[in-house]
Protein backbone atom coordinates (compact mmCIF):
# COMPACT_ATOMS: atom_id res chain seq x y z
CA UNK A 1 0.00 0.00 0.00
CA UNK A 2 1.44 3.37 -1.06
CA UNK A 3 1.50 6.19 1.49
CA UNK A 4 -0.05 9.53 0.67
CA UNK A 5 2.15 12.63 0.39
CA UNK A 6 0.41 14.27 3.37
CA UNK A 7 0.96 11.17 5.48
CA UNK A 8 4.66 11.13 4.60
CA UNK A 9 4.99 14.82 5.47
CA UNK A 10 3.17 14.28 8.74
CA UNK A 11 5.38 11.30 9.61
CA UNK A 12 8.51 13.30 8.81
CA UNK A 13 7.31 16.20 10.96
CA UNK A 14 6.54 13.82 13.81
CA UNK A 15 10.02 12.28 13.61
CA UNK A 16 11.65 15.73 13.59
CA UNK A 17 9.67 16.81 16.66
CA UNK A 18 10.52 13.53 18.37
CA UNK A 19 14.23 14.04 17.59
CA UNK A 20 14.06 17.62 18.88
CA UNK A 21 12.53 16.39 22.15
CA UNK A 22 15.31 13.84 22.55
CA UNK A 23 17.91 16.59 22.06
CA UNK A 24 16.15 18.80 24.62
CA UNK A 25 15.93 15.98 27.19
CA UNK A 26 19.60 15.01 26.68
CA UNK A 27 20.65 18.67 27.05
CA UNK A 28 18.60 19.08 30.23
CA UNK A 29 20.08 15.88 31.63
CA UNK A 30 23.60 17.08 30.86
CA UNK A 31 22.93 20.46 32.48
CA UNK A 32 21.44 18.80 35.56
CA UNK A 33 24.35 16.35 35.76
CA UNK A 34 26.87 19.19 35.44
CA UNK A 35 25.11 21.17 38.17
CA UNK A 36 25.19 18.13 40.45
CA UNK A 37 28.94 17.75 39.79
CA UNK A 38 29.56 21.43 40.55
CA UNK A 39 27.56 21.17 43.78
CA UNK A 40 29.43 18.03 44.80
CA UNK A 41 32.78 19.69 44.13
CA UNK A 42 31.79 22.79 46.08
CA UNK A 43 30.83 20.62 49.03
CA UNK A 44 34.38 19.24 48.90
CA UNK A 45 35.89 22.73 48.91
CA UNK A 46 36.62 22.75 45.18
CA UNK A 47 35.71 25.73 43.02
CA UNK A 48 36.08 25.32 39.25
CA UNK A 49 36.26 28.37 37.04
CA UNK A 50 33.61 28.63 34.28
CA UNK A 51 36.44 29.38 31.86
CA UNK A 52 39.84 27.87 32.75
CA UNK A 53 42.67 30.44 32.69
CA UNK A 54 45.63 30.17 30.39
CA UNK A 55 48.83 30.38 32.41
CA UNK A 56 51.59 32.74 31.35
CA UNK A 57 54.87 30.99 30.71
CA UNK A 58 57.44 30.67 33.48
CA UNK A 59 60.72 28.89 34.11
CA UNK A 60 61.47 27.00 37.32
CA UNK A 61 63.74 24.08 38.21
CA UNK A 62 62.52 20.67 39.34
CA UNK A 63 64.17 18.43 41.92
CA UNK A 64 66.30 16.80 39.22
CA UNK A 65 67.73 20.14 38.14
CA UNK A 66 65.70 20.21 34.91
CA UNK A 67 63.70 23.18 33.66
CA UNK A 68 59.94 23.14 34.26
CA UNK A 69 57.73 25.51 32.23
CA UNK A 70 54.01 26.06 31.64
CA UNK A 71 54.00 23.51 28.81
CA UNK A 72 55.04 20.79 31.28
CA UNK A 73 51.61 20.98 32.91
CA UNK A 74 50.01 19.54 29.78
CA UNK A 75 48.94 15.93 29.49
CA UNK A 76 47.69 15.25 33.02
CA UNK A 77 45.73 16.81 35.84
CA UNK A 78 48.05 18.70 38.20
CA UNK A 79 47.57 19.49 41.90
CA UNK A 80 49.84 22.45 42.68
CA UNK A 81 50.70 23.40 46.26
CA UNK A 82 52.95 26.28 47.34
CA UNK A 83 55.00 25.80 50.52
CA UNK A 84 58.53 25.29 51.82
CA UNK A 85 60.51 22.42 53.27
CA UNK A 86 61.06 24.06 56.69
CA UNK A 87 57.35 24.72 57.18
CA UNK A 88 56.29 23.31 60.57
CA UNK A 89 52.56 22.86 60.10
CA UNK A 90 50.41 23.39 57.00
CA UNK A 91 52.97 22.02 54.52
CA UNK A 92 53.64 18.64 56.14
CA UNK A 93 49.95 18.24 56.91
CA UNK A 94 48.92 19.00 53.32
CA UNK A 95 51.69 16.86 51.83
CA UNK A 96 50.69 13.95 54.07
CA UNK A 97 47.10 14.18 52.81
CA UNK A 98 48.36 14.33 49.21
CA UNK A 99 50.53 11.29 49.91
CA UNK A 100 47.55 9.27 51.20
CA UNK A 101 45.36 10.43 48.32
CA UNK A 102 47.93 9.45 45.70
CA UNK A 103 48.82 6.11 47.30
CA UNK A 104 45.15 5.06 47.31
CA UNK A 105 44.78 5.57 43.55
CA UNK A 106 44.92 2.72 41.07
CA UNK A 107 47.99 2.84 38.79
CA UNK A 108 45.97 4.06 35.79
CA UNK A 109 44.50 6.89 37.88
CA UNK A 110 47.95 7.82 39.21
CA UNK A 111 49.18 8.19 35.64
CA UNK A 112 46.58 10.88 35.03
CA UNK A 113 47.50 13.21 37.90
CA UNK A 114 50.67 14.81 39.27
CA UNK A 115 51.32 16.36 42.66
CA UNK A 116 53.56 19.42 42.43
CA UNK A 117 54.99 21.46 45.30
CA UNK A 118 56.42 24.91 44.49
CA UNK A 119 58.79 26.33 47.09
CA UNK A 120 58.31 29.92 48.26
CA UNK A 121 61.70 29.71 50.00
CA UNK A 122 64.24 29.28 47.17
CA UNK A 123 67.15 30.48 49.33
CA UNK A 124 66.99 27.31 51.43
CA UNK A 125 65.03 25.03 49.08
CA UNK A 126 67.60 24.01 46.50
CA UNK A 127 66.73 21.29 43.97
CA UNK A 128 68.53 18.79 46.23
CA UNK A 129 66.51 19.89 49.25
CA UNK A 130 63.30 19.66 47.25
CA UNK A 131 64.28 16.19 46.02
CA UNK A 132 64.70 14.91 49.57
CA UNK A 133 61.50 16.58 50.74
CA UNK A 134 59.07 15.43 48.05
CA UNK A 135 60.62 11.93 47.97
CA UNK A 136 59.86 11.58 51.68
CA UNK A 137 56.18 11.64 50.70
CA UNK A 138 56.21 9.95 47.29
CA UNK A 139 58.87 9.40 44.65
CA UNK A 140 56.45 10.52 41.91
CA UNK A 141 55.88 13.95 43.43
CA UNK A 142 57.50 16.96 41.75
CA UNK A 143 59.27 19.74 43.65
CA UNK A 144 59.92 23.10 41.99
CA UNK A 145 62.21 25.92 43.02
CA UNK A 146 64.07 28.74 41.28
CA UNK A 147 64.31 32.49 41.11
CA UNK A 148 62.14 34.22 43.73
CA UNK A 149 60.72 36.63 41.13
CA UNK A 150 59.64 33.71 38.92
CA UNK A 151 58.12 31.90 41.89
CA UNK A 152 56.22 35.01 42.97
CA UNK A 153 54.97 35.53 39.42
CA UNK A 154 53.63 31.99 39.25
CA UNK A 155 52.14 32.28 42.75
CA UNK A 156 50.18 35.34 41.66
CA UNK A 157 48.72 33.40 38.75
CA UNK A 158 47.45 30.84 41.26
CA UNK A 159 46.21 33.57 43.64
CA UNK A 160 48.76 32.44 46.23
CA UNK A 161 50.02 35.05 48.67
CA UNK A 162 53.31 34.58 50.50
CA UNK A 163 55.62 36.72 52.59
CA UNK A 164 59.08 37.67 51.36
CA UNK A 165 61.70 35.32 52.88
CA UNK A 166 63.85 38.37 53.56
CA UNK A 167 61.09 39.98 55.62
CA UNK A 168 59.66 36.87 57.26
CA UNK A 169 59.16 36.12 60.94
CA UNK A 170 62.48 35.00 62.43
CA UNK A 171 63.09 32.53 65.19
CA UNK A 172 64.85 33.24 68.44
CA UNK A 173 68.28 32.78 66.87
CA UNK A 174 67.74 35.64 64.43
CA UNK A 175 67.98 35.90 60.66
CA UNK A 176 71.67 34.93 60.46
CA UNK A 177 70.84 31.39 61.52
CA UNK A 178 68.37 30.96 58.68
CA UNK A 179 65.68 30.10 61.20
CA UNK A 180 62.60 31.85 59.85
CA UNK A 181 59.04 31.13 58.78
CA UNK A 182 57.20 32.18 55.62
CA UNK A 183 53.50 32.90 55.62
CA UNK A 184 51.68 31.57 52.56
CA UNK A 185 48.28 30.53 51.24
CA UNK A 186 47.25 26.94 51.82
CA UNK A 187 44.96 26.15 48.89
CA UNK A 188 45.77 23.75 46.05
CA UNK A 189 45.66 24.93 42.46
CA UNK A 190 44.09 22.60 39.89
CA UNK A 191 45.61 22.60 36.40
CA UNK A 192 43.80 20.63 33.71
CA UNK A 193 45.44 18.42 31.03
CA UNK A 194 45.40 21.38 28.63
CA UNK A 195 47.72 23.24 30.99
CA UNK A 196 45.04 25.69 32.11
CA UNK A 197 44.36 26.87 35.67
CA UNK A 198 40.97 25.26 36.18
CA UNK A 199 40.17 25.87 39.85
CA UNK A 200 41.21 25.63 43.49
CA UNK A 201 40.69 23.38 46.47
CA UNK A 202 40.47 25.26 49.74
CA UNK A 203 42.00 24.03 53.02
CA UNK A 204 41.71 22.02 55.11
CA UNK A 205 42.92 19.45 52.59
CA UNK A 206 41.79 15.88 53.29
CA UNK A 207 42.75 12.81 51.28
CA UNK A 208 39.16 11.52 51.14
CA UNK A 209 37.93 14.83 49.71
CA UNK A 210 40.81 14.84 47.23
CA UNK A 211 39.86 11.37 46.05
CA UNK A 212 36.19 12.24 45.57
CA UNK A 213 37.06 15.49 43.78
CA UNK A 214 39.54 13.76 41.51
CA UNK A 215 37.08 11.04 40.51
CA UNK A 216 34.53 13.75 39.67
CA UNK A 217 37.09 15.61 37.55
CA UNK A 218 37.99 12.46 35.62
CA UNK A 219 34.34 11.96 34.71
CA UNK A 220 33.93 15.44 33.23
C-alpha atoms as a PDB file:
ATOM      1  CA  UNK A   1       0.000   0.000   0.000  1.00  0.00           C
ATOM      2  CA  UNK A   2       1.439   3.373  -1.056  1.00  0.00           C
ATOM      3  CA  UNK A   3       1.502   6.192   1.491  1.00  0.00           C
ATOM      4  CA  UNK A   4      -0.047   9.532   0.675  1.00  0.00           C
ATOM      5  CA  UNK A   5       2.145  12.627   0.389  1.00  0.00           C
ATOM      6  CA  UNK A   6       0.405  14.270   3.368  1.00  0.00           C
ATOM      7  CA  UNK A   7       0.957  11.169   5.480  1.00  0.00           C
ATOM      8  CA  UNK A   8       4.659  11.129   4.597  1.00  0.00           C
ATOM      9  CA  UNK A   9       4.993  14.824   5.466  1.00  0.00           C
ATOM     10  CA  UNK A  10       3.169  14.283   8.740  1.00  0.00           C
ATOM     11  CA  UNK A  11       5.375  11.301   9.614  1.00  0.00           C
ATOM     12  CA  UNK A  12       8.512  13.303   8.814  1.00  0.00           C
ATOM     13  CA  UNK A  13       7.309  16.203  10.964  1.00  0.00           C
ATOM     14  CA  UNK A  14       6.538  13.825  13.812  1.00  0.00           C
ATOM     15  CA  UNK A  15      10.022  12.283  13.615  1.00  0.00           C
ATOM     16  CA  UNK A  16      11.650  15.732  13.593  1.00  0.00           C
ATOM     17  CA  UNK A  17       9.674  16.811  16.664  1.00  0.00           C
ATOM     18  CA  UNK A  18      10.522  13.533  18.375  1.00  0.00           C
ATOM     19  CA  UNK A  19      14.228  14.044  17.593  1.00  0.00           C
ATOM     20  CA  UNK A  20      14.064  17.621  18.885  1.00  0.00           C
ATOM     21  CA  UNK A  21      12.530  16.391  22.147  1.00  0.00           C
ATOM     22  CA  UNK A  22      15.311  13.843  22.546  1.00  0.00           C
ATOM     23  CA  UNK A  23      17.915  16.590  22.059  1.00  0.00           C
ATOM     24  CA  UNK A  24      16.147  18.796  24.622  1.00  0.00           C
ATOM     25  CA  UNK A  25      15.932  15.976  27.186  1.00  0.00           C
ATOM     26  CA  UNK A  26      19.598  15.012  26.683  1.00  0.00           C
ATOM     27  CA  UNK A  27      20.648  18.670  27.047  1.00  0.00           C
ATOM     28  CA  UNK A  28      18.598  19.078  30.228  1.00  0.00           C
ATOM     29  CA  UNK A  29      20.078  15.876  31.632  1.00  0.00           C
ATOM     30  CA  UNK A  30      23.597  17.079  30.858  1.00  0.00           C
ATOM     31  CA  UNK A  31      22.928  20.463  32.482  1.00  0.00           C
ATOM     32  CA  UNK A  32      21.441  18.798  35.560  1.00  0.00           C
ATOM     33  CA  UNK A  33      24.347  16.353  35.761  1.00  0.00           C
ATOM     34  CA  UNK A  34      26.872  19.192  35.442  1.00  0.00           C
ATOM     35  CA  UNK A  35      25.109  21.174  38.168  1.00  0.00           C
ATOM     36  CA  UNK A  36      25.192  18.133  40.449  1.00  0.00           C
ATOM     37  CA  UNK A  37      28.935  17.747  39.789  1.00  0.00           C
ATOM     38  CA  UNK A  38      29.557  21.427  40.547  1.00  0.00           C
ATOM     39  CA  UNK A  39      27.561  21.171  43.783  1.00  0.00           C
ATOM     40  CA  UNK A  40      29.433  18.031  44.796  1.00  0.00           C
ATOM     41  CA  UNK A  41      32.779  19.686  44.133  1.00  0.00           C
ATOM     42  CA  UNK A  42      31.792  22.788  46.078  1.00  0.00           C
ATOM     43  CA  UNK A  43      30.834  20.621  49.035  1.00  0.00           C
ATOM     44  CA  UNK A  44      34.381  19.240  48.901  1.00  0.00           C
ATOM     45  CA  UNK A  45      35.892  22.725  48.912  1.00  0.00           C
ATOM     46  CA  UNK A  46      36.620  22.749  45.177  1.00  0.00           C
ATOM     47  CA  UNK A  47      35.711  25.731  43.020  1.00  0.00           C
ATOM     48  CA  UNK A  48      36.082  25.317  39.255  1.00  0.00           C
ATOM     49  CA  UNK A  49      36.262  28.374  37.037  1.00  0.00           C
ATOM     50  CA  UNK A  50      33.611  28.628  34.280  1.00  0.00           C
ATOM     51  CA  UNK A  51      36.437  29.379  31.860  1.00  0.00           C
ATOM     52  CA  UNK A  52      39.843  27.874  32.752  1.00  0.00           C
ATOM     53  CA  UNK A  53      42.666  30.438  32.691  1.00  0.00           C
ATOM     54  CA  UNK A  54      45.631  30.165  30.386  1.00  0.00           C
ATOM     55  CA  UNK A  55      48.827  30.378  32.411  1.00  0.00           C
ATOM     56  CA  UNK A  56      51.588  32.741  31.346  1.00  0.00           C
ATOM     57  CA  UNK A  57      54.866  30.988  30.711  1.00  0.00           C
ATOM     58  CA  UNK A  58      57.437  30.671  33.477  1.00  0.00           C
ATOM     59  CA  UNK A  59      60.720  28.891  34.113  1.00  0.00           C
ATOM     60  CA  UNK A  60      61.472  27.001  37.319  1.00  0.00           C
ATOM     61  CA  UNK A  61      63.741  24.080  38.208  1.00  0.00           C
ATOM     62  CA  UNK A  62      62.521  20.673  39.341  1.00  0.00           C
ATOM     63  CA  UNK A  63      64.168  18.430  41.924  1.00  0.00           C
ATOM     64  CA  UNK A  64      66.302  16.797  39.223  1.00  0.00           C
ATOM     65  CA  UNK A  65      67.732  20.144  38.144  1.00  0.00           C
ATOM     66  CA  UNK A  66      65.696  20.215  34.915  1.00  0.00           C
ATOM     67  CA  UNK A  67      63.695  23.180  33.656  1.00  0.00           C
ATOM     68  CA  UNK A  68      59.945  23.143  34.256  1.00  0.00           C
ATOM     69  CA  UNK A  69      57.729  25.505  32.235  1.00  0.00           C
ATOM     70  CA  UNK A  70      54.013  26.064  31.640  1.00  0.00           C
ATOM     71  CA  UNK A  71      54.000  23.511  28.813  1.00  0.00           C
ATOM     72  CA  UNK A  72      55.039  20.789  31.276  1.00  0.00           C
ATOM     73  CA  UNK A  73      51.614  20.984  32.905  1.00  0.00           C
ATOM     74  CA  UNK A  74      50.006  19.538  29.781  1.00  0.00           C
ATOM     75  CA  UNK A  75      48.943  15.932  29.493  1.00  0.00           C
ATOM     76  CA  UNK A  76      47.691  15.254  33.023  1.00  0.00           C
ATOM     77  CA  UNK A  77      45.732  16.811  35.838  1.00  0.00           C
ATOM     78  CA  UNK A  78      48.045  18.705  38.201  1.00  0.00           C
ATOM     79  CA  UNK A  79      47.572  19.495  41.898  1.00  0.00           C
ATOM     80  CA  UNK A  80      49.841  22.452  42.683  1.00  0.00           C
ATOM     81  CA  UNK A  81      50.695  23.402  46.255  1.00  0.00           C
ATOM     82  CA  UNK A  82      52.955  26.280  47.343  1.00  0.00           C
ATOM     83  CA  UNK A  83      54.998  25.802  50.516  1.00  0.00           C
ATOM     84  CA  UNK A  84      58.531  25.287  51.817  1.00  0.00           C
ATOM     85  CA  UNK A  85      60.510  22.423  53.274  1.00  0.00           C
ATOM     86  CA  UNK A  86      61.056  24.061  56.691  1.00  0.00           C
ATOM     87  CA  UNK A  87      57.347  24.720  57.176  1.00  0.00           C
ATOM     88  CA  UNK A  88      56.289  23.311  60.565  1.00  0.00           C
ATOM     89  CA  UNK A  89      52.563  22.858  60.097  1.00  0.00           C
ATOM     90  CA  UNK A  90      50.406  23.391  57.000  1.00  0.00           C
ATOM     91  CA  UNK A  91      52.970  22.024  54.521  1.00  0.00           C
ATOM     92  CA  UNK A  92      53.644  18.638  56.139  1.00  0.00           C
ATOM     93  CA  UNK A  93      49.947  18.239  56.912  1.00  0.00           C
ATOM     94  CA  UNK A  94      48.922  18.996  53.324  1.00  0.00           C
ATOM     95  CA  UNK A  95      51.686  16.861  51.826  1.00  0.00           C
ATOM     96  CA  UNK A  96      50.691  13.953  54.072  1.00  0.00           C
ATOM     97  CA  UNK A  97      47.102  14.178  52.809  1.00  0.00           C
ATOM     98  CA  UNK A  98      48.362  14.333  49.212  1.00  0.00           C
ATOM     99  CA  UNK A  99      50.530  11.285  49.908  1.00  0.00           C
ATOM    100  CA  UNK A 100      47.553   9.273  51.201  1.00  0.00           C
ATOM    101  CA  UNK A 101      45.356  10.430  48.322  1.00  0.00           C
ATOM    102  CA  UNK A 102      47.931   9.449  45.699  1.00  0.00           C
ATOM    103  CA  UNK A 103      48.818   6.107  47.300  1.00  0.00           C
ATOM    104  CA  UNK A 104      45.149   5.057  47.314  1.00  0.00           C
ATOM    105  CA  UNK A 105      44.779   5.566  43.553  1.00  0.00           C
ATOM    106  CA  UNK A 106      44.917   2.724  41.067  1.00  0.00           C
ATOM    107  CA  UNK A 107      47.988   2.841  38.790  1.00  0.00           C
ATOM    108  CA  UNK A 108      45.974   4.064  35.794  1.00  0.00           C
ATOM    109  CA  UNK A 109      44.499   6.887  37.877  1.00  0.00           C
ATOM    110  CA  UNK A 110      47.947   7.816  39.211  1.00  0.00           C
ATOM    111  CA  UNK A 111      49.182   8.187  35.644  1.00  0.00           C
ATOM    112  CA  UNK A 112      46.578  10.885  35.028  1.00  0.00           C
ATOM    113  CA  UNK A 113      47.504  13.214  37.898  1.00  0.00           C
ATOM    114  CA  UNK A 114      50.665  14.807  39.268  1.00  0.00           C
ATOM    115  CA  UNK A 115      51.319  16.360  42.661  1.00  0.00           C
ATOM    116  CA  UNK A 116      53.565  19.424  42.428  1.00  0.00           C
ATOM    117  CA  UNK A 117      54.994  21.459  45.299  1.00  0.00           C
ATOM    118  CA  UNK A 118      56.416  24.905  44.495  1.00  0.00           C
ATOM    119  CA  UNK A 119      58.790  26.333  47.087  1.00  0.00           C
ATOM    120  CA  UNK A 120      58.309  29.917  48.264  1.00  0.00           C
ATOM    121  CA  UNK A 121      61.701  29.710  50.002  1.00  0.00           C
ATOM    122  CA  UNK A 122      64.244  29.276  47.174  1.00  0.00           C
ATOM    123  CA  UNK A 123      67.147  30.478  49.330  1.00  0.00           C
ATOM    124  CA  UNK A 124      66.986  27.314  51.425  1.00  0.00           C
ATOM    125  CA  UNK A 125      65.030  25.031  49.085  1.00  0.00           C
ATOM    126  CA  UNK A 126      67.604  24.010  46.499  1.00  0.00           C
ATOM    127  CA  UNK A 127      66.735  21.289  43.968  1.00  0.00           C
ATOM    128  CA  UNK A 128      68.528  18.789  46.226  1.00  0.00           C
ATOM    129  CA  UNK A 129      66.512  19.894  49.249  1.00  0.00           C
ATOM    130  CA  UNK A 130      63.298  19.661  47.245  1.00  0.00           C
ATOM    131  CA  UNK A 131      64.285  16.192  46.020  1.00  0.00           C
ATOM    132  CA  UNK A 132      64.699  14.914  49.569  1.00  0.00           C
ATOM    133  CA  UNK A 133      61.502  16.580  50.744  1.00  0.00           C
ATOM    134  CA  UNK A 134      59.068  15.429  48.051  1.00  0.00           C
ATOM    135  CA  UNK A 135      60.619  11.929  47.970  1.00  0.00           C
ATOM    136  CA  UNK A 136      59.864  11.578  51.681  1.00  0.00           C
ATOM    137  CA  UNK A 137      56.181  11.642  50.696  1.00  0.00           C
ATOM    138  CA  UNK A 138      56.211   9.947  47.290  1.00  0.00           C
ATOM    139  CA  UNK A 139      58.868   9.401  44.647  1.00  0.00           C
ATOM    140  CA  UNK A 140      56.445  10.518  41.915  1.00  0.00           C
ATOM    141  CA  UNK A 141      55.881  13.948  43.432  1.00  0.00           C
ATOM    142  CA  UNK A 142      57.501  16.958  41.751  1.00  0.00           C
ATOM    143  CA  UNK A 143      59.271  19.741  43.646  1.00  0.00           C
ATOM    144  CA  UNK A 144      59.917  23.096  41.985  1.00  0.00           C
ATOM    145  CA  UNK A 145      62.209  25.923  43.018  1.00  0.00           C
ATOM    146  CA  UNK A 146      64.073  28.735  41.284  1.00  0.00           C
ATOM    147  CA  UNK A 147      64.308  32.486  41.109  1.00  0.00           C
ATOM    148  CA  UNK A 148      62.136  34.222  43.729  1.00  0.00           C
ATOM    149  CA  UNK A 149      60.715  36.626  41.131  1.00  0.00           C
ATOM    150  CA  UNK A 150      59.644  33.708  38.924  1.00  0.00           C
ATOM    151  CA  UNK A 151      58.118  31.897  41.893  1.00  0.00           C
ATOM    152  CA  UNK A 152      56.218  35.011  42.972  1.00  0.00           C
ATOM    153  CA  UNK A 153      54.973  35.535  39.422  1.00  0.00           C
ATOM    154  CA  UNK A 154      53.627  31.988  39.250  1.00  0.00           C
ATOM    155  CA  UNK A 155      52.143  32.284  42.745  1.00  0.00           C
ATOM    156  CA  UNK A 156      50.185  35.343  41.664  1.00  0.00           C
ATOM    157  CA  UNK A 157      48.724  33.402  38.746  1.00  0.00           C
ATOM    158  CA  UNK A 158      47.447  30.839  41.262  1.00  0.00           C
ATOM    159  CA  UNK A 159      46.205  33.570  43.641  1.00  0.00           C
ATOM    160  CA  UNK A 160      48.756  32.436  46.225  1.00  0.00           C
ATOM    161  CA  UNK A 161      50.025  35.053  48.665  1.00  0.00           C
ATOM    162  CA  UNK A 162      53.311  34.584  50.497  1.00  0.00           C
ATOM    163  CA  UNK A 163      55.623  36.718  52.585  1.00  0.00           C
ATOM    164  CA  UNK A 164      59.082  37.670  51.364  1.00  0.00           C
ATOM    165  CA  UNK A 165      61.700  35.323  52.877  1.00  0.00           C
ATOM    166  CA  UNK A 166      63.848  38.374  53.562  1.00  0.00           C
ATOM    167  CA  UNK A 167      61.086  39.978  55.621  1.00  0.00           C
ATOM    168  CA  UNK A 168      59.656  36.866  57.263  1.00  0.00           C
ATOM    169  CA  UNK A 169      59.161  36.116  60.937  1.00  0.00           C
ATOM    170  CA  UNK A 170      62.479  35.004  62.433  1.00  0.00           C
ATOM    171  CA  UNK A 171      63.088  32.534  65.193  1.00  0.00           C
ATOM    172  CA  UNK A 172      64.850  33.239  68.444  1.00  0.00           C
ATOM    173  CA  UNK A 173      68.279  32.780  66.870  1.00  0.00           C
ATOM    174  CA  UNK A 174      67.745  35.639  64.430  1.00  0.00           C
ATOM    175  CA  UNK A 175      67.984  35.897  60.662  1.00  0.00           C
ATOM    176  CA  UNK A 176      71.667  34.932  60.455  1.00  0.00           C
ATOM    177  CA  UNK A 177      70.835  31.390  61.525  1.00  0.00           C
ATOM    178  CA  UNK A 178      68.374  30.957  58.682  1.00  0.00           C
ATOM    179  CA  UNK A 179      65.684  30.101  61.204  1.00  0.00           C
ATOM    180  CA  UNK A 180      62.600  31.849  59.852  1.00  0.00           C
ATOM    181  CA  UNK A 181      59.039  31.131  58.776  1.00  0.00           C
ATOM    182  CA  UNK A 182      57.197  32.176  55.625  1.00  0.00           C
ATOM    183  CA  UNK A 183      53.495  32.904  55.625  1.00  0.00           C
ATOM    184  CA  UNK A 184      51.684  31.567  52.563  1.00  0.00           C
ATOM    185  CA  UNK A 185      48.281  30.534  51.236  1.00  0.00           C
ATOM    186  CA  UNK A 186      47.248  26.942  51.823  1.00  0.00           C
ATOM    187  CA  UNK A 187      44.963  26.147  48.887  1.00  0.00           C
ATOM    188  CA  UNK A 188      45.775  23.749  46.052  1.00  0.00           C
ATOM    189  CA  UNK A 189      45.656  24.929  42.457  1.00  0.00           C
ATOM    190  CA  UNK A 190      44.094  22.599  39.893  1.00  0.00           C
ATOM    191  CA  UNK A 191      45.607  22.604  36.402  1.00  0.00           C
ATOM    192  CA  UNK A 192      43.797  20.632  33.711  1.00  0.00           C
ATOM    193  CA  UNK A 193      45.445  18.423  31.035  1.00  0.00           C
ATOM    194  CA  UNK A 194      45.395  21.381  28.629  1.00  0.00           C
ATOM    195  CA  UNK A 195      47.723  23.240  30.989  1.00  0.00           C
ATOM    196  CA  UNK A 196      45.035  25.694  32.113  1.00  0.00           C
ATOM    197  CA  UNK A 197      44.365  26.872  35.665  1.00  0.00           C
ATOM    198  CA  UNK A 198      40.966  25.261  36.185  1.00  0.00           C
ATOM    199  CA  UNK A 199      40.170  25.874  39.853  1.00  0.00           C
ATOM    200  CA  UNK A 200      41.214  25.632  43.486  1.00  0.00           C
ATOM    201  CA  UNK A 201      40.692  23.383  46.469  1.00  0.00           C
ATOM    202  CA  UNK A 202      40.470  25.262  49.744  1.00  0.00           C
ATOM    203  CA  UNK A 203      41.999  24.027  53.017  1.00  0.00           C
ATOM    204  CA  UNK A 204      41.710  22.021  55.114  1.00  0.00           C
ATOM    205  CA  UNK A 205      42.924  19.453  52.589  1.00  0.00           C
ATOM    206  CA  UNK A 206      41.791  15.885  53.286  1.00  0.00           C
ATOM    207  CA  UNK A 207      42.754  12.806  51.279  1.00  0.00           C
ATOM    208  CA  UNK A 208      39.158  11.523  51.137  1.00  0.00           C
ATOM    209  CA  UNK A 209      37.926  14.829  49.710  1.00  0.00           C
ATOM    210  CA  UNK A 210      40.811  14.841  47.235  1.00  0.00           C
ATOM    211  CA  UNK A 211      39.857  11.368  46.046  1.00  0.00           C
ATOM    212  CA  UNK A 212      36.186  12.243  45.568  1.00  0.00           C
ATOM    213  CA  UNK A 213      37.059  15.489  43.785  1.00  0.00           C
ATOM    214  CA  UNK A 214      39.544  13.765  41.507  1.00  0.00           C
ATOM    215  CA  UNK A 215      37.085  11.044  40.508  1.00  0.00           C
ATOM    216  CA  UNK A 216      34.534  13.745  39.671  1.00  0.00           C
ATOM    217  CA  UNK A 217      37.087  15.608  37.545  1.00  0.00           C
ATOM    218  CA  UNK A 218      37.995  12.460  35.616  1.00  0.00           C
ATOM    219  CA  UNK A 219      34.336  11.964  34.708  1.00  0.00           C
ATOM    220  CA  UNK A 220      33.927  15.441  33.229  1.00  0.00           C
END
